[in-house]
Amino acid sequence: ASLQSACSQAQGALEGGVAEAVRLRQHLAALRPRVDDLTAHANQSRVELKAVLEGLHRLRASRDAVASELSLQRQRRRQLEAELSALQQKAATDEGYNQVIDDTNGELRETKAIAGRAGPGSRASSADRLSQPAEPAPVRSP
């Protein structure tokens, strides 16, 4: 009797286990489309992420190229500023030379005017020579 009872209990457990297995199999079958959807979505996300990373690498390369070009432009600007400063200094020096020449020519005109008022018997001939405008000296860079 106890053996029959144990067999009966085992058969009940076995039938319960089989029923549970059938229920789990149905549950898994119902989950399969969702798992397939999630797998497809994960694969698509992986492809998109790869494309984003490739774009990021291109952007970094572009950024590096722009930074390099900007550095070259800044260097060129500093060079041009230095050249401009040198030209401004030269122009100021040239302006100084031109002012000396203009002043000298003005003094010569005054000397001629004074000699002209002194009359014909005076030293006008030497004043005439002095009154000729000076030839501008060649401008030399310092």
Protein backbone atom coordinates (compact mmCIF):
# COMPACT_ATOMS: atom_id res chain seq x y z
CA ALA A 1 0.00 0.00 0.00
CA SER A 2 2.72 2.41 0.78
CA LEU A 3 4.46 1.50 -2.45
CA GLN A 4 1.30 2.12 -4.34
CA SER A 5 0.90 5.39 -2.51
CA ALA A 6 4.47 6.40 -3.33
CA CYS A 7 3.97 5.47 -6.98
CA SER A 8 0.79 7.45 -7.04
CA GLN A 9 2.53 10.44 -5.55
CA ALA A 10 5.41 10.12 -8.02
CA GLN A 11 2.99 9.84 -10.91
CA GLY A 12 1.16 12.96 -9.67
CA ALA A 13 4.45 14.80 -9.36
CA LEU A 14 5.49 13.62 -12.81
CA GLU A 15 2.21 14.74 -14.33
CA GLY A 16 2.57 18.09 -12.50
CA GLY A 17 6.13 18.42 -13.81
CA VAL A 18 5.04 17.58 -17.34
CA ALA A 19 2.22 20.12 -17.08
CA GLU A 20 4.73 22.70 -15.79
CA ALA A 21 7.11 21.88 -18.64
CA VAL A 22 4.31 22.28 -21.18
CA ARG A 23 3.34 25.60 -19.58
CA LEU A 24 6.98 26.81 -19.62
CA ARG A 25 7.40 25.68 -23.24
CA GLN A 26 4.29 27.68 -24.21
CA HIS A 27 5.58 30.66 -22.25
CA LEU A 28 8.96 30.41 -24.01
CA ALA A 29 7.22 30.10 -27.37
CA ALA A 30 5.25 33.26 -26.55
CA LEU A 31 8.49 35.07 -25.56
CA ARG A 32 10.42 33.97 -28.68
CA PRO A 33 9.05 36.77 -30.97
CA ARG A 34 9.89 39.37 -28.29
CA VAL A 35 13.41 37.94 -27.92
CA ASP A 36 13.81 37.99 -31.70
CA ASP A 37 12.62 41.64 -31.80
CA LEU A 38 15.03 42.61 -29.03
CA THR A 39 17.89 40.79 -30.79
CA ALA A 40 17.12 42.57 -34.07
CA HIS A 41 16.90 45.91 -32.23
CA ALA A 42 20.24 45.26 -30.49
CA ASN A 43 21.86 44.40 -33.83
CA GLN A 44 20.44 47.57 -35.42
CA SER A 45 21.64 49.63 -32.45
CA ARG A 46 25.09 48.08 -32.81
CA VAL A 47 25.20 49.07 -36.51
CA GLU A 48 24.04 52.61 -35.68
CA LEU A 49 26.58 52.92 -32.87
CA LYS A 50 29.33 51.81 -35.24
CA ALA A 51 28.26 54.51 -37.73
CA VAL A 52 28.20 57.12 -34.95
CA LEU A 53 31.70 56.12 -33.82
CA GLU A 54 33.00 56.32 -37.39
CA GLY A 55 31.44 59.78 -37.69
CA LEU A 56 33.07 60.76 -34.42
CA HIS A 57 36.46 59.64 -35.72
CA ARG A 58 35.94 61.70 -38.88
CA LEU A 59 34.95 64.72 -36.78
CA ARG A 60 38.04 64.34 -34.64
CA ALA A 61 40.24 64.16 -37.72
CA SER A 62 38.50 67.22 -39.14
CA ARG A 63 38.88 69.06 -35.83
CA ASP A 64 42.59 68.24 -35.76
CA ALA A 65 43.00 69.50 -39.33
CA VAL A 66 41.15 72.73 -38.49
CA ALA A 67 43.27 73.20 -35.35
CA SER A 68 46.42 72.71 -37.40
CA GLU A 69 45.24 75.20 -40.04
CA LEU A 70 44.30 77.68 -37.31
CA SER A 71 47.75 77.35 -35.80
CA LEU A 72 49.33 78.03 -39.20
CA GLN A 73 47.05 81.05 -39.71
CA ARG A 74 47.99 82.45 -36.30
CA GLN A 75 51.66 81.95 -37.06
CA ARG A 76 51.21 83.71 -40.43
CA ARG A 77 49.31 86.57 -38.73
CA ARG A 78 52.16 87.05 -36.23
CA GLN A 79 54.63 87.05 -39.11
CA LEU A 80 52.58 89.63 -41.02
CA GLU A 81 52.22 91.78 -37.90
CA ALA A 82 56.00 91.72 -37.47
CA GLU A 83 56.47 92.69 -41.13
CA LEU A 84 53.91 95.48 -40.77
CA SER A 85 55.69 96.80 -37.69
CA ALA A 86 59.02 96.79 -39.54
CA LEU A 87 57.44 98.61 -42.50
CA GLN A 88 55.84 101.17 -40.17
CA GLN A 89 59.23 101.81 -38.55
CA LYS A 90 60.84 102.16 -41.96
CA ALA A 91 58.09 104.53 -43.08
CA ALA A 92 58.60 106.66 -39.97
CA THR A 93 62.35 106.75 -40.68
CA ASP A 94 61.74 107.61 -44.35
CA GLU A 95 59.32 110.35 -43.27
CA GLY A 96 62.07 111.74 -41.02
CA TYR A 97 64.53 111.77 -43.94
CA ASN A 98 61.95 113.47 -46.17
CA GLN A 99 61.31 116.11 -43.49
CA VAL A 100 65.06 116.88 -43.28
CA ILE A 101 65.19 117.28 -47.09
CA ASP A 102 62.11 119.54 -47.06
CA ASP A 103 63.57 121.65 -44.25
CA THR A 104 66.90 121.99 -46.11
CA ASN A 105 65.13 123.06 -49.33
CA GLY A 106 63.13 125.63 -47.35
CA GLU A 107 66.31 127.06 -45.83
CA LEU A 108 67.87 127.29 -49.29
CA ARG A 109 64.84 129.21 -50.61
CA GLU A 110 65.13 131.65 -47.71
CA THR A 111 68.85 132.11 -48.42
CA LYS A 112 68.09 132.86 -52.08
CA ALA A 113 65.42 135.36 -51.11
CA ILE A 114 67.82 137.13 -48.78
CA ALA A 115 70.55 137.17 -51.44
CA GLY A 116 68.08 138.50 -54.00
CA ARG A 117 67.20 141.42 -51.71
CA ALA A 118 70.91 142.18 -51.19
CA GLY A 119 71.21 143.40 -54.73
CA PRO A 120 73.23 142.66 -57.87
CA GLY A 121 76.71 143.48 -56.60
CA SER A 122 76.57 141.31 -53.59
CA ARG A 123 77.31 137.71 -53.19
CA ALA A 124 74.17 136.75 -55.07
CA SER A 125 76.03 134.41 -57.35
CA SER A 126 77.01 132.18 -54.46
CA ALA A 127 73.50 132.52 -53.04
CA ASP A 128 72.11 131.44 -56.41
CA ARG A 129 74.16 128.31 -56.22
CA LEU A 130 72.98 127.63 -52.71
CA SER A 131 69.38 128.23 -53.58
CA GLN A 132 69.14 125.29 -55.93
CA PRO A 133 67.08 122.58 -54.18
CA ALA A 134 69.23 119.82 -52.80
CA GLU A 135 69.04 116.52 -54.52
CA PRO A 136 67.25 114.15 -52.20
CA ALA A 137 69.68 111.75 -50.63
CA PRO A 138 68.95 108.12 -51.21
CA VAL A 139 66.89 106.82 -48.34
CA ARG A 140 68.70 104.11 -46.46
CA SER A 141 67.08 101.65 -44.19
CA PRO A 142 68.51 101.62 -40.70
